[in-house]
């Protein structure tokens, strides 16, 4: 099958293929990955000197970072989860504790309640459909993380840490002008650094 000539169509084809590949991973791989990420992620945060870390509440077949977030909480880190704005724009991060009640919002994503204070994270764990060896990620197409990283990086240093299964690597990804590259990538097999 020839690749679509329209870049938007091409990305949609890649997204569908990546979604299917990730969805086919079995439960044993998923459980092992969550445990391995928890250990490696805690060491990485210690190395980075991060204090406030934004995670995500996994949906669909995303890698489960909740064991990592629980380990970070137990180690005394401040945690946050993203809130998708009603109008297109950067994500907002609200303080979160593992015991906090969450509400279902857009796309079925669980988010902190309105009374949770907004915070500025110095490290962000980012889900994805795929990644390549250069630190580019394929997201879901909304551009929220790209807008968020662009906005945060204009004001302060923030570590963008992709979280994925090793099987999500794809050579066919190409970045566009608005794409924000990852600084680090956490997979079950290794921790990769892309930017200093």
Foldseek 3Di string as FASTA:
>chain_A
DDADPDPVSNLVVVLVVLLVLLLPDDPVLLVLWLVLLLVVVVVVCVVVVWAEEEEFCDDDSWRHPVSNVLSCVVVPGWYWYWDQDPDQAETWTFTDDPVADWDQDPPRTTHGDPVGDTDQTQEYEDIASAAEPQQFGRHPPSCHVLRHCVVSVVPDHHAYEYEGEPSRYDPPDDDDPSTDGHQWYDYSVDIDGNHD
